Amino acid sequence: MSALKAADIRAAVAAVLEREQLPQIVQLGHPVLRQAAVPYDGQIEDAELHALLELMRRTMHAAPGVGLAAPQIGIPLRLAVLEDPATVGPEIAGARERQPLPYFAAINPHVRAIGEHTASFFEGCLSFAGYQAVVERHRIVEFEYLRADGTVRTEEFTGWQARIVQHETDHLDGVVYIDKAITRSLCTSAEYSSRWAQPTIERARAELDF
């Protein structure tokens, strides 16, 4: 990375940290969402890194969402925060294999599919506000990342947790979920809530013909 690029990243981080309000979440169409994020290699000081991750966590909570990647607040660094309280009913939790995901921050993460099994469910995105669509994703993945203290962590995730880590890693690669979605399933969040928010996608698949 050039010194200029590192300086640009430092300036962008400083700008979001200096604001009194939480940053706006970047929406689809902004070029930062379509660029591969730069690996974190010390472009900002440790104190700034921790402050940025905490800001991302508060922004994710306020949205609210279950994950947020740094490009979603205009920072082209390979960072993400993830947390899912999984406040859904037992039928939905069972069908979607959705269990609570305690908060953690991932630096320079990489995801690898384990096995060939996939699962298809509706998902949304804070950077494509107001819409939902069905995405087929790997059911089990291995997730390798750096923690904020610099240690390497490798974890295996299944079900909805695997979906979250895949979604956020996609953001760091310049990919938005709609790129992988079954486009005939695309609907507004209002239509999803009133018609298709069942535990599985079978009714939506039949009526929307996808």
N, C-alpha and C. Protein backbone atom coordinates (compact mmCIF):
# COMPACT_ATOMS: atom_id res chain seq x y z
N MET A 1 0.84 -1.18 0.00
CA MET A 1 0.00 0.00 0.00
C MET A 1 0.89 1.25 0.00
N SER A 2 0.48 2.23 -0.78
CA SER A 2 1.25 3.47 -0.83
C SER A 2 1.03 4.27 0.44
N ALA A 3 2.01 5.17 0.71
CA ALA A 3 1.88 6.03 1.89
C ALA A 3 0.63 6.89 1.78
N LEU A 4 0.31 7.31 0.55
CA LEU A 4 -0.86 8.14 0.35
C LEU A 4 -2.13 7.39 0.73
N LYS A 5 -2.20 6.13 0.31
CA LYS A 5 -3.37 5.35 0.64
C LYS A 5 -3.51 5.18 2.15
N ALA A 6 -2.41 4.87 2.83
CA ALA A 6 -2.44 4.74 4.28
C ALA A 6 -2.88 6.05 4.92
N ALA A 7 -2.40 7.15 4.37
CA ALA A 7 -2.80 8.46 4.91
C ALA A 7 -4.28 8.71 4.69
N ASP A 8 -4.80 8.27 3.56
CA ASP A 8 -6.23 8.43 3.29
C ASP A 8 -7.06 7.63 4.29
N ILE A 9 -6.60 6.42 4.61
CA ILE A 9 -7.32 5.59 5.57
C ILE A 9 -7.28 6.23 6.96
N ARG A 10 -6.13 6.71 7.34
CA ARG A 10 -6.03 7.38 8.65
C ARG A 10 -6.95 8.59 8.73
N ALA A 11 -7.04 9.34 7.63
CA ALA A 11 -7.90 10.52 7.61
C ALA A 11 -9.37 10.12 7.70
N ALA A 12 -9.74 9.04 7.00
CA ALA A 12 -11.13 8.59 7.04
C ALA A 12 -11.51 8.10 8.42
N VAL A 13 -10.61 7.38 9.07
CA VAL A 13 -10.87 6.90 10.43
C VAL A 13 -10.98 8.08 11.39
N ALA A 14 -10.07 9.02 11.28
CA ALA A 14 -10.11 10.19 12.16
C ALA A 14 -11.42 10.95 11.99
N ALA A 15 -11.90 11.04 10.76
CA ALA A 15 -13.13 11.78 10.50
C ALA A 15 -14.33 11.15 11.19
N VAL A 16 -14.44 9.82 11.14
CA VAL A 16 -15.59 9.18 11.78
C VAL A 16 -15.47 9.20 13.30
N LEU A 17 -14.24 9.12 13.81
CA LEU A 17 -14.07 9.12 15.26
C LEU A 17 -14.30 10.50 15.87
N GLU A 18 -14.11 11.54 15.07
CA GLU A 18 -14.27 12.90 15.58
C GLU A 18 -15.72 13.36 15.62
N ARG A 19 -16.60 12.68 14.92
CA ARG A 19 -18.00 13.10 14.88
C ARG A 19 -18.68 12.87 16.22
N GLU A 20 -19.61 13.75 16.53
CA GLU A 20 -20.37 13.60 17.76
C GLU A 20 -21.47 12.55 17.60
N GLN A 21 -21.92 12.33 16.37
CA GLN A 21 -22.99 11.36 16.12
C GLN A 21 -22.41 10.10 15.50
N LEU A 22 -23.18 9.02 15.56
CA LEU A 22 -22.77 7.79 14.90
C LEU A 22 -22.71 8.01 13.39
N PRO A 23 -21.80 7.33 12.72
CA PRO A 23 -21.71 7.52 11.26
C PRO A 23 -22.92 6.96 10.53
N GLN A 24 -23.21 7.55 9.39
CA GLN A 24 -24.26 7.02 8.51
C GLN A 24 -23.77 5.71 7.90
N ILE A 25 -24.66 4.75 7.74
CA ILE A 25 -24.31 3.51 7.07
C ILE A 25 -24.41 3.73 5.57
N VAL A 26 -23.31 3.44 4.87
CA VAL A 26 -23.23 3.65 3.43
C VAL A 26 -24.24 2.76 2.73
N GLN A 27 -24.91 3.30 1.71
CA GLN A 27 -25.93 2.55 0.98
C GLN A 27 -25.45 2.09 -0.39
N LEU A 28 -26.09 1.04 -0.89
CA LEU A 28 -25.74 0.44 -2.17
C LEU A 28 -25.69 1.49 -3.27
N GLY A 29 -24.61 1.48 -4.01
CA GLY A 29 -24.35 2.49 -5.03
C GLY A 29 -23.10 3.28 -4.72
N HIS A 30 -22.71 3.30 -3.44
CA HIS A 30 -21.47 3.96 -3.05
C HIS A 30 -20.31 3.05 -3.45
N PRO A 31 -19.27 3.60 -4.09
CA PRO A 31 -18.18 2.75 -4.57
C PRO A 31 -17.42 1.99 -3.49
N VAL A 32 -17.41 2.48 -2.26
CA VAL A 32 -16.66 1.78 -1.21
C VAL A 32 -17.20 0.37 -0.99
N LEU A 33 -18.49 0.15 -1.30
CA LEU A 33 -19.09 -1.17 -1.13
C LEU A 33 -18.69 -2.13 -2.23
N ARG A 34 -18.09 -1.62 -3.29
CA ARG A 34 -17.74 -2.44 -4.44
C ARG A 34 -16.23 -2.61 -4.61
N GLN A 35 -15.48 -2.24 -3.59
CA GLN A 35 -14.04 -2.37 -3.63
C GLN A 35 -13.60 -3.36 -2.55
N ALA A 36 -12.62 -4.19 -2.87
CA ALA A 36 -12.06 -5.08 -1.86
C ALA A 36 -11.40 -4.23 -0.78
N ALA A 37 -11.73 -4.50 0.46
CA ALA A 37 -11.15 -3.74 1.57
C ALA A 37 -9.67 -4.08 1.72
N VAL A 38 -8.92 -3.14 2.23
CA VAL A 38 -7.47 -3.28 2.41
C VAL A 38 -7.20 -4.04 3.71
N PRO A 39 -6.33 -5.04 3.71
CA PRO A 39 -5.98 -5.70 4.97
C PRO A 39 -5.42 -4.71 5.99
N TYR A 40 -5.81 -4.89 7.24
CA TYR A 40 -5.27 -4.03 8.29
C TYR A 40 -3.84 -4.47 8.59
N ASP A 41 -2.91 -3.53 8.47
CA ASP A 41 -1.51 -3.85 8.78
C ASP A 41 -0.84 -2.71 9.55
N GLY A 42 -1.63 -2.08 10.42
CA GLY A 42 -1.07 -1.03 11.26
C GLY A 42 -1.24 0.37 10.72
N GLN A 43 -2.17 0.56 9.77
CA GLN A 43 -2.39 1.89 9.22
C GLN A 43 -2.82 2.89 10.29
N ILE A 44 -3.48 2.41 11.34
CA ILE A 44 -3.89 3.28 12.44
C ILE A 44 -3.34 2.71 13.75
N GLU A 45 -3.21 3.56 14.75
CA GLU A 45 -2.68 3.14 16.05
C GLU A 45 -3.67 2.20 16.76
N ASP A 46 -3.14 1.44 17.72
CA ASP A 46 -3.98 0.50 18.44
C ASP A 46 -5.17 1.18 19.10
N ALA A 47 -4.94 2.36 19.68
CA ALA A 47 -6.03 3.07 20.36
C ALA A 47 -7.12 3.45 19.36
N GLU A 48 -6.72 3.87 18.16
CA GLU A 48 -7.69 4.21 17.13
C GLU A 48 -8.43 2.97 16.65
N LEU A 49 -7.71 1.87 16.53
CA LEU A 49 -8.35 0.62 16.10
C LEU A 49 -9.43 0.22 17.09
N HIS A 50 -9.12 0.23 18.38
CA HIS A 50 -10.10 -0.15 19.39
C HIS A 50 -11.27 0.82 19.40
N ALA A 51 -11.00 2.11 19.23
CA ALA A 51 -12.08 3.10 19.19
C ALA A 51 -12.97 2.89 17.97
N LEU A 52 -12.35 2.55 16.84
CA LEU A 52 -13.12 2.32 15.61
C LEU A 52 -14.01 1.08 15.77
N LEU A 53 -13.47 0.01 16.32
CA LEU A 53 -14.26 -1.20 16.51
C LEU A 53 -15.42 -0.95 17.47
N GLU A 54 -15.19 -0.19 18.52
CA GLU A 54 -16.27 0.14 19.45
C GLU A 54 -17.33 1.01 18.76
N LEU A 55 -16.90 1.94 17.94
CA LEU A 55 -17.85 2.76 17.19
C LEU A 55 -18.67 1.91 16.24
N MET A 56 -18.03 0.97 15.57
CA MET A 56 -18.76 0.06 14.69
C MET A 56 -19.78 -0.76 15.46
N ARG A 57 -19.39 -1.21 16.66
CA ARG A 57 -20.33 -1.98 17.47
C ARG A 57 -21.55 -1.15 17.85
N ARG A 58 -21.33 0.09 18.26
CA ARG A 58 -22.46 0.94 18.63
C ARG A 58 -23.32 1.27 17.41
N THR A 59 -22.71 1.44 16.26
CA THR A 59 -23.46 1.71 15.03
C THR A 59 -24.31 0.50 14.65
N MET A 60 -23.73 -0.71 14.78
CA MET A 60 -24.46 -1.95 14.51
C MET A 60 -25.66 -2.08 15.44
N HIS A 61 -25.46 -1.81 16.73
CA HIS A 61 -26.56 -1.91 17.69
C HIS A 61 -27.67 -0.91 17.37
N ALA A 62 -27.27 0.30 17.01
CA ALA A 62 -28.26 1.35 16.77
C ALA A 62 -29.08 1.09 15.52
N ALA A 63 -28.53 0.36 14.55
CA ALA A 63 -29.20 0.22 13.25
C ALA A 63 -30.62 -0.37 13.30
N PRO A 64 -30.94 -1.50 13.95
CA PRO A 64 -30.02 -2.45 14.54
C PRO A 64 -29.66 -3.53 13.52
N GLY A 65 -28.52 -4.20 13.72
CA GLY A 65 -28.10 -5.28 12.86
C GLY A 65 -27.32 -6.31 13.64
N VAL A 66 -26.91 -7.37 12.95
CA VAL A 66 -26.16 -8.44 13.60
C VAL A 66 -24.72 -8.50 13.10
N GLY A 67 -24.35 -7.57 12.25
CA GLY A 67 -22.99 -7.50 11.75
C GLY A 67 -22.78 -6.18 11.04
N LEU A 68 -21.54 -5.73 11.02
CA LEU A 68 -21.21 -4.49 10.32
C LEU A 68 -19.75 -4.57 9.89
N ALA A 69 -19.50 -4.30 8.62
CA ALA A 69 -18.14 -4.26 8.09
C ALA A 69 -17.70 -2.82 7.96
N ALA A 70 -16.39 -2.58 8.11
CA ALA A 70 -15.88 -1.22 8.07
C ALA A 70 -16.25 -0.46 6.79
N PRO A 71 -16.27 -1.10 5.60
CA PRO A 71 -16.69 -0.35 4.42
C PRO A 71 -18.10 0.24 4.51
N GLN A 72 -18.93 -0.37 5.36
CA GLN A 72 -20.30 0.13 5.50
C GLN A 72 -20.38 1.48 6.20
N ILE A 73 -19.27 1.90 6.81
CA ILE A 73 -19.22 3.27 7.34
C ILE A 73 -18.14 4.07 6.60
N GLY A 74 -17.78 3.58 5.41
CA GLY A 74 -16.87 4.33 4.56
C GLY A 74 -15.40 4.11 4.80
N ILE A 75 -15.06 3.09 5.62
CA ILE A 75 -13.66 2.82 5.94
C ILE A 75 -13.22 1.57 5.18
N PRO A 76 -12.31 1.68 4.20
CA PRO A 76 -11.96 0.53 3.37
C PRO A 76 -10.93 -0.39 4.00
N LEU A 77 -11.16 -0.78 5.25
CA LEU A 77 -10.28 -1.70 5.96
C LEU A 77 -10.98 -3.03 6.21
N ARG A 78 -10.21 -4.08 6.27
CA ARG A 78 -10.77 -5.42 6.42
C ARG A 78 -11.07 -5.71 7.90
N LEU A 79 -12.13 -5.06 8.37
CA LEU A 79 -12.57 -5.17 9.76
C LEU A 79 -14.08 -5.42 9.78
N ALA A 80 -14.53 -6.20 10.74
CA ALA A 80 -15.97 -6.41 10.91
C ALA A 80 -16.28 -6.67 12.37
N VAL A 81 -17.49 -6.32 12.77
CA VAL A 81 -17.99 -6.66 14.10
C VAL A 81 -19.25 -7.49 13.92
N LEU A 82 -19.46 -8.45 14.80
CA LEU A 82 -20.58 -9.38 14.68
C LEU A 82 -21.17 -9.66 16.05
N GLU A 83 -22.49 -9.75 16.09
CA GLU A 83 -23.19 -10.07 17.35
C GLU A 83 -24.65 -10.32 17.03
N ASP A 84 -25.18 -11.44 17.50
CA ASP A 84 -26.59 -11.76 17.25
C ASP A 84 -27.23 -12.27 18.52
N PRO A 85 -28.17 -11.49 19.10
CA PRO A 85 -28.86 -11.97 20.29
C PRO A 85 -29.85 -13.10 19.98
N ALA A 86 -30.18 -13.26 18.68
CA ALA A 86 -31.08 -14.34 18.23
C ALA A 86 -32.41 -14.31 18.98
N THR A 87 -33.02 -13.15 19.04
CA THR A 87 -34.30 -13.00 19.74
C THR A 87 -35.45 -13.39 18.80
N VAL A 88 -35.52 -14.67 18.49
CA VAL A 88 -36.58 -15.21 17.63
C VAL A 88 -37.22 -16.37 18.36
N GLY A 89 -38.39 -16.75 17.89
CA GLY A 89 -39.10 -17.85 18.51
C GLY A 89 -38.42 -19.19 18.26
N PRO A 90 -38.78 -20.21 19.05
CA PRO A 90 -38.12 -21.51 18.93
C PRO A 90 -38.31 -22.18 17.57
N GLU A 91 -39.47 -21.98 16.92
CA GLU A 91 -39.69 -22.61 15.62
C GLU A 91 -38.74 -22.04 14.58
N ILE A 92 -38.63 -20.70 14.56
CA ILE A 92 -37.71 -20.05 13.62
C ILE A 92 -36.27 -20.40 13.96
N ALA A 93 -35.93 -20.35 15.23
CA ALA A 93 -34.56 -20.67 15.63
C ALA A 93 -34.18 -22.09 15.21
N GLY A 94 -35.11 -23.02 15.34
CA GLY A 94 -34.82 -24.39 14.95
C GLY A 94 -34.66 -24.56 13.45
N ALA A 95 -35.58 -23.97 12.69
CA ALA A 95 -35.54 -24.12 11.24
C ALA A 95 -34.30 -23.46 10.64
N ARG A 96 -33.88 -22.35 11.23
CA ARG A 96 -32.76 -21.59 10.68
C ARG A 96 -31.44 -21.88 11.40
N GLU A 97 -31.47 -22.80 12.36
CA GLU A 97 -30.27 -23.08 13.17
C GLU A 97 -29.69 -21.78 13.70
N ARG A 98 -30.54 -20.99 14.32
CA ARG A 98 -30.13 -19.67 14.79
C ARG A 98 -29.95 -19.68 16.30
N GLN A 99 -28.71 -19.53 16.71
CA GLN A 99 -28.34 -19.47 18.11
C GLN A 99 -27.65 -18.13 18.39
N PRO A 100 -27.69 -17.67 19.65
CA PRO A 100 -27.02 -16.39 19.96
C PRO A 100 -25.54 -16.44 19.59
N LEU A 101 -25.07 -15.34 19.03
CA LEU A 101 -23.66 -15.18 18.67
C LEU A 101 -23.09 -14.06 19.53
N PRO A 102 -22.25 -14.38 20.50
CA PRO A 102 -21.67 -13.32 21.35
C PRO A 102 -20.84 -12.35 20.50
N TYR A 103 -20.75 -11.12 20.97
CA TYR A 103 -20.00 -10.10 20.23
C TYR A 103 -18.54 -10.48 20.05
N PHE A 104 -18.04 -10.23 18.84
CA PHE A 104 -16.60 -10.27 18.61
C PHE A 104 -16.26 -9.42 17.40
N ALA A 105 -15.03 -8.97 17.36
CA ALA A 105 -14.51 -8.21 16.23
C ALA A 105 -13.54 -9.08 15.46
N ALA A 106 -13.59 -8.98 14.14
CA ALA A 106 -12.73 -9.79 13.28
C ALA A 106 -11.88 -8.88 12.41
N ILE A 107 -10.58 -9.10 12.44
CA ILE A 107 -9.63 -8.33 11.64
C ILE A 107 -9.03 -9.26 10.59
N ASN A 108 -9.03 -8.80 9.35
CA ASN A 108 -8.50 -9.58 8.22
C ASN A 108 -9.09 -10.99 8.16
N PRO A 109 -10.41 -11.12 8.23
CA PRO A 109 -11.00 -12.46 8.26
C PRO A 109 -11.01 -13.14 6.89
N HIS A 110 -11.01 -14.47 6.96
CA HIS A 110 -11.17 -15.30 5.77
C HIS A 110 -12.12 -16.43 6.13
N VAL A 111 -12.98 -16.78 5.17
CA VAL A 111 -13.98 -17.82 5.41
C VAL A 111 -13.76 -18.96 4.42
N ARG A 112 -13.97 -20.19 4.91
CA ARG A 112 -13.81 -21.37 4.07
C ARG A 112 -14.97 -22.32 4.34
N ALA A 113 -15.60 -22.78 3.25
CA ALA A 113 -16.71 -23.72 3.40
C ALA A 113 -16.22 -25.06 3.90
N ILE A 114 -17.03 -25.67 4.76
CA ILE A 114 -16.78 -27.03 5.23
C ILE A 114 -17.92 -27.89 4.72
N GLY A 115 -17.62 -28.85 3.88
CA GLY A 115 -18.65 -29.69 3.30
C GLY A 115 -19.39 -29.01 2.17
N GLU A 116 -20.40 -29.69 1.67
CA GLU A 116 -21.14 -29.20 0.51
C GLU A 116 -22.57 -28.78 0.85
N HIS A 117 -22.97 -28.93 2.11
CA HIS A 117 -24.35 -28.60 2.48
C HIS A 117 -24.56 -27.09 2.46
N THR A 118 -25.71 -26.69 1.94
CA THR A 118 -26.08 -25.27 1.90
C THR A 118 -27.46 -25.09 2.53
N ALA A 119 -27.80 -23.83 2.78
CA ALA A 119 -29.12 -23.47 3.31
C ALA A 119 -29.55 -22.17 2.64
N SER A 120 -30.85 -22.06 2.38
CA SER A 120 -31.39 -20.88 1.70
C SER A 120 -32.44 -20.22 2.57
N PHE A 121 -32.23 -18.94 2.85
CA PHE A 121 -33.16 -18.16 3.66
C PHE A 121 -33.13 -16.71 3.17
N PHE A 122 -34.17 -15.99 3.55
CA PHE A 122 -34.17 -14.54 3.32
C PHE A 122 -33.11 -13.89 4.20
N GLU A 123 -32.46 -12.89 3.67
CA GLU A 123 -31.60 -12.05 4.49
C GLU A 123 -31.66 -10.62 3.98
N GLY A 124 -31.23 -9.69 4.82
CA GLY A 124 -31.22 -8.28 4.45
C GLY A 124 -29.85 -7.70 4.71
N CYS A 125 -29.74 -6.40 4.50
CA CYS A 125 -28.45 -5.74 4.66
C CYS A 125 -28.67 -4.29 5.06
N LEU A 126 -27.87 -3.83 6.02
CA LEU A 126 -27.98 -2.44 6.46
C LEU A 126 -27.60 -1.47 5.35
N SER A 127 -26.85 -1.95 4.35
CA SER A 127 -26.44 -1.09 3.23
C SER A 127 -27.36 -1.22 2.03
N PHE A 128 -28.43 -2.01 2.16
CA PHE A 128 -29.47 -2.11 1.13
C PHE A 128 -30.79 -2.07 1.87
N ALA A 129 -30.98 -0.94 2.55
CA ALA A 129 -32.07 -0.81 3.52
C ALA A 129 -33.44 -0.97 2.86
N GLY A 130 -34.32 -1.69 3.54
CA GLY A 130 -35.70 -1.79 3.10
C GLY A 130 -36.01 -2.98 2.23
N TYR A 131 -35.07 -3.89 2.05
CA TYR A 131 -35.28 -5.04 1.16
C TYR A 131 -34.79 -6.33 1.80
N GLN A 132 -35.33 -7.44 1.30
CA GLN A 132 -34.92 -8.78 1.72
C GLN A 132 -34.90 -9.66 0.47
N ALA A 133 -34.05 -10.67 0.47
CA ALA A 133 -34.02 -11.64 -0.63
C ALA A 133 -33.41 -12.94 -0.14
N VAL A 134 -33.73 -14.02 -0.83
CA VAL A 134 -33.23 -15.33 -0.46
C VAL A 134 -31.82 -15.51 -1.01
N VAL A 135 -30.93 -15.98 -0.14
CA VAL A 135 -29.55 -16.25 -0.52
C VAL A 135 -29.20 -17.68 -0.07
N GLU A 136 -28.61 -18.44 -0.98
CA GLU A 136 -28.11 -19.76 -0.64
C GLU A 136 -26.67 -19.62 -0.14
N ARG A 137 -26.41 -20.12 1.05
CA ARG A 137 -25.06 -20.01 1.62
C ARG A 137 -24.62 -21.36 2.19
N HIS A 138 -23.31 -21.49 2.38
CA HIS A 138 -22.77 -22.69 3.01
C HIS A 138 -23.32 -22.82 4.43
N ARG A 139 -23.68 -24.03 4.79
CA ARG A 139 -24.26 -24.24 6.12
C ARG A 139 -23.20 -24.25 7.22
N ILE A 140 -22.00 -24.74 6.91
CA ILE A 140 -20.92 -24.80 7.89
C ILE A 140 -19.67 -24.17 7.29
N VAL A 141 -19.02 -23.30 8.04
CA VAL A 141 -17.81 -22.64 7.54
C VAL A 141 -16.75 -22.58 8.63
N GLU A 142 -15.51 -22.47 8.18
CA GLU A 142 -14.40 -22.17 9.07
C GLU A 142 -14.05 -20.71 8.89
N PHE A 143 -13.88 -20.02 10.00
CA PHE A 143 -13.65 -18.57 9.99
C PHE A 143 -12.35 -18.29 10.71
N GLU A 144 -11.38 -17.76 9.97
CA GLU A 144 -10.08 -17.43 10.55
C GLU A 144 -9.91 -15.92 10.55
N TYR A 145 -9.47 -15.37 11.67
CA TYR A 145 -9.36 -13.92 11.78
C TYR A 145 -8.38 -13.56 12.90
N LEU A 146 -7.99 -12.31 12.91
CA LEU A 146 -7.19 -11.77 13.99
C LEU A 146 -8.11 -11.11 15.01
N ARG A 147 -7.84 -11.27 16.27
CA ARG A 147 -8.52 -10.53 17.31
C ARG A 147 -7.85 -9.17 17.46
N ALA A 148 -8.50 -8.28 18.19
CA ALA A 148 -7.95 -6.94 18.36
C ALA A 148 -6.62 -6.95 19.11
N ASP A 149 -6.35 -8.02 19.87
CA ASP A 149 -5.08 -8.11 20.58
C ASP A 149 -3.97 -8.71 19.72
N GLY A 150 -4.29 -9.02 18.44
CA GLY A 150 -3.29 -9.52 17.52
C GLY A 150 -3.18 -11.03 17.45
N THR A 151 -3.92 -11.75 18.27
CA THR A 151 -3.87 -13.22 18.23
C THR A 151 -4.76 -13.76 17.12
N VAL A 152 -4.37 -14.90 16.58
CA VAL A 152 -5.13 -15.54 15.51
C VAL A 152 -6.18 -16.46 16.10
N ARG A 153 -7.37 -16.44 15.52
CA ARG A 153 -8.46 -17.29 16.00
C ARG A 153 -9.08 -18.01 14.80
N THR A 154 -9.33 -19.29 14.95
CA THR A 154 -10.04 -20.06 13.94
C THR A 154 -11.23 -20.73 14.60
N GLU A 155 -12.43 -20.48 14.06
CA GLU A 155 -13.64 -21.02 14.64
C GLU A 155 -14.51 -21.64 13.55
N GLU A 156 -15.33 -22.56 13.94
CA GLU A 156 -16.30 -23.18 13.03
C GLU A 156 -17.69 -22.67 13.39
N PHE A 157 -18.43 -22.25 12.37
CA PHE A 157 -19.78 -21.74 12.58
C PHE A 157 -20.76 -22.52 11.72
N THR A 158 -21.96 -22.70 12.27
CA THR A 158 -23.01 -23.47 11.61
C THR A 158 -24.30 -22.65 11.55
N GLY A 159 -25.10 -22.89 10.54
CA GLY A 159 -26.42 -22.29 10.46
C GLY A 159 -26.39 -20.79 10.29
N TRP A 160 -27.19 -20.10 11.11
CA TRP A 160 -27.32 -18.64 10.96
C TRP A 160 -26.02 -17.92 11.29
N GLN A 161 -25.27 -18.43 12.24
CA GLN A 161 -23.98 -17.83 12.55
C GLN A 161 -23.06 -17.90 11.34
N ALA A 162 -23.08 -19.03 10.63
CA ALA A 162 -22.29 -19.15 9.40
C ALA A 162 -22.76 -18.16 8.35
N ARG A 163 -24.06 -17.92 8.29
CA ARG A 163 -24.60 -16.95 7.33
C ARG A 163 -24.09 -15.55 7.65
N ILE A 164 -24.05 -15.19 8.91
CA ILE A 164 -23.60 -13.85 9.30
C ILE A 164 -22.14 -13.65 8.92
N VAL A 165 -21.28 -14.62 9.24
CA VAL A 165 -19.86 -14.42 8.95
C VAL A 165 -19.61 -14.40 7.44
N GLN A 166 -20.38 -15.16 6.68
CA GLN A 166 -20.24 -15.11 5.22
C GLN A 166 -20.69 -13.76 4.66
N HIS A 167 -21.80 -13.25 5.18
CA HIS A 167 -22.33 -11.97 4.74
C HIS A 167 -21.32 -10.85 4.99
N GLU A 168 -20.75 -10.82 6.19
CA GLU A 168 -19.81 -9.75 6.51
C GLU A 168 -18.49 -9.89 5.74
N THR A 169 -18.01 -11.12 5.56
CA THR A 169 -16.80 -11.31 4.77
C THR A 169 -17.02 -10.90 3.33
N ASP A 170 -18.21 -11.15 2.80
CA ASP A 170 -18.54 -10.68 1.45
C ASP A 170 -18.34 -9.17 1.34
N HIS A 171 -18.81 -8.43 2.33
CA HIS A 171 -18.64 -6.97 2.30
C HIS A 171 -17.18 -6.59 2.14
N LEU A 172 -16.30 -7.32 2.79
CA LEU A 172 -14.87 -6.99 2.75
C LEU A 172 -14.26 -7.34 1.39
N ASP A 173 -14.99 -8.14 0.61
CA ASP A 173 -14.54 -8.49 -0.74
C ASP A 173 -15.24 -7.68 -1.82
N GLY A 174 -16.02 -6.67 -1.41
CA GLY A 174 -16.74 -5.84 -2.38
C GLY A 174 -18.01 -6.47 -2.90
N VAL A 175 -18.56 -7.42 -2.15
CA VAL A 175 -19.76 -8.15 -2.57
C VAL A 175 -20.91 -7.80 -1.62
N VAL A 176 -22.08 -7.54 -2.18
CA VAL A 176 -23.30 -7.29 -1.41
C VAL A 176 -24.24 -8.48 -1.64
N TYR A 177 -25.04 -8.82 -0.65
CA TYR A 177 -25.81 -10.06 -0.72
C TYR A 177 -26.68 -10.16 -1.96
N ILE A 178 -27.13 -9.04 -2.49
CA ILE A 178 -28.01 -9.09 -3.67
C ILE A 178 -27.27 -9.69 -4.86
N ASP A 179 -25.95 -9.63 -4.87
CA ASP A 179 -25.16 -10.25 -5.94
C ASP A 179 -25.36 -11.76 -5.96
N LYS A 180 -25.66 -12.35 -4.81
CA LYS A 180 -25.80 -13.80 -4.69
C LYS A 180 -27.26 -14.24 -4.52
N ALA A 181 -28.16 -13.28 -4.46
CA ALA A 181 -29.56 -13.58 -4.15
C ALA A 181 -30.31 -14.18 -5.34
N ILE A 182 -31.38 -14.90 -5.02
CA ILE A 182 -32.35 -15.32 -6.04
C ILE A 182 -33.23 -14.10 -6.29
N THR A 183 -33.04 -13.44 -7.42
CA THR A 183 -33.65 -12.13 -7.61
C THR A 183 -35.18 -12.17 -7.63
N ARG A 184 -35.78 -13.28 -8.01
CA ARG A 184 -37.25 -13.35 -7.98
C ARG A 184 -37.78 -13.30 -6.56
N SER A 185 -36.93 -13.55 -5.58
CA SER A 185 -37.38 -13.51 -4.19
C SER A 185 -37.29 -12.11 -3.59
N LEU A 186 -36.65 -11.18 -4.30
CA LEU A 186 -36.44 -9.83 -3.75
C LEU A 186 -37.77 -9.18 -3.41
N CYS A 187 -37.86 -8.64 -2.21
CA CYS A 187 -39.09 -7.99 -1.77
C CYS A 187 -38.75 -6.89 -0.79
N THR A 188 -39.70 -5.99 -0.59
CA THR A 188 -39.49 -4.97 0.42
C THR A 188 -39.56 -5.62 1.80
N SER A 189 -38.98 -4.98 2.77
CA SER A 189 -39.02 -5.51 4.13
C SER A 189 -40.45 -5.57 4.65
N ALA A 190 -41.29 -4.63 4.21
CA ALA A 190 -42.69 -4.65 4.63
C ALA A 190 -43.41 -5.88 4.08
N GLU A 191 -43.18 -6.18 2.79
CA GLU A 191 -43.80 -7.36 2.19
C GLU A 191 -43.26 -8.63 2.85
N TYR A 192 -41.97 -8.64 3.13
CA TYR A 192 -41.39 -9.81 3.81
C TYR A 192 -42.07 -10.03 5.16
N SER A 193 -42.18 -8.96 5.94
CA SER A 193 -42.76 -9.09 7.28
C SER A 193 -44.21 -9.56 7.25
N SER A 194 -44.97 -9.07 6.26
CA SER A 194 -46.40 -9.40 6.22
C SER A 194 -46.69 -10.72 5.52
N ARG A 195 -45.80 -11.19 4.65
CA ARG A 195 -46.09 -12.37 3.85
C ARG A 195 -45.14 -13.55 4.05
N TRP A 196 -43.85 -13.29 4.16
CA TRP A 196 -42.88 -14.37 3.99
C TRP A 196 -42.01 -14.65 5.22
N ALA A 197 -42.36 -14.09 6.37
CA ALA A 197 -41.52 -14.26 7.56
C ALA A 197 -41.81 -15.57 8.29
N GLN A 198 -41.97 -16.65 7.53
CA GLN A 198 -42.14 -17.96 8.13
C GLN A 198 -40.77 -18.56 8.46
N PRO A 199 -40.75 -19.67 9.18
CA PRO A 199 -39.46 -20.27 9.51
C PRO A 199 -38.64 -20.69 8.30
N THR A 200 -39.32 -21.13 7.22
CA THR A 200 -38.62 -21.54 6.00
C THR A 200 -39.10 -20.67 4.83
N ILE A 201 -38.50 -20.90 3.66
CA ILE A 201 -38.84 -20.10 2.48
C ILE A 201 -39.84 -20.81 1.57
N GLU A 202 -40.39 -21.95 1.99
CA GLU A 202 -41.19 -22.77 1.08
C GLU A 202 -42.41 -22.05 0.53
N ARG A 203 -43.13 -21.32 1.37
CA ARG A 203 -44.31 -20.61 0.88
C ARG A 203 -43.91 -19.52 -0.12
N ALA A 204 -42.88 -18.78 0.19
CA ALA A 204 -42.40 -17.74 -0.71
C ALA A 204 -41.93 -18.36 -2.03
N ARG A 205 -41.21 -19.49 -1.95
CA ARG A 205 -40.73 -20.15 -3.16
C ARG A 205 -41.89 -20.54 -4.07
N ALA A 206 -42.96 -21.05 -3.48
CA ALA A 206 -44.10 -21.49 -4.27
C ALA A 206 -44.84 -20.30 -4.89
N GLU A 207 -45.10 -19.27 -4.11
CA GLU A 207 -45.92 -18.16 -4.59
C GLU A 207 -45.18 -17.16 -5.45
N LEU A 208 -43.85 -17.04 -5.23
CA LEU A 208 -43.05 -16.13 -6.05
C LEU A 208 -42.36 -16.87 -7.19
N ASP A 209 -42.47 -18.19 -7.22
CA ASP A 209 -41.97 -19.03 -8.31
C ASP A 209 -40.46 -18.86 -8.51
N PHE A 210 -39.71 -19.21 -7.48
CA PHE A 210 -38.25 -19.22 -7.64
C PHE A 210 -37.67 -20.55 -7.17
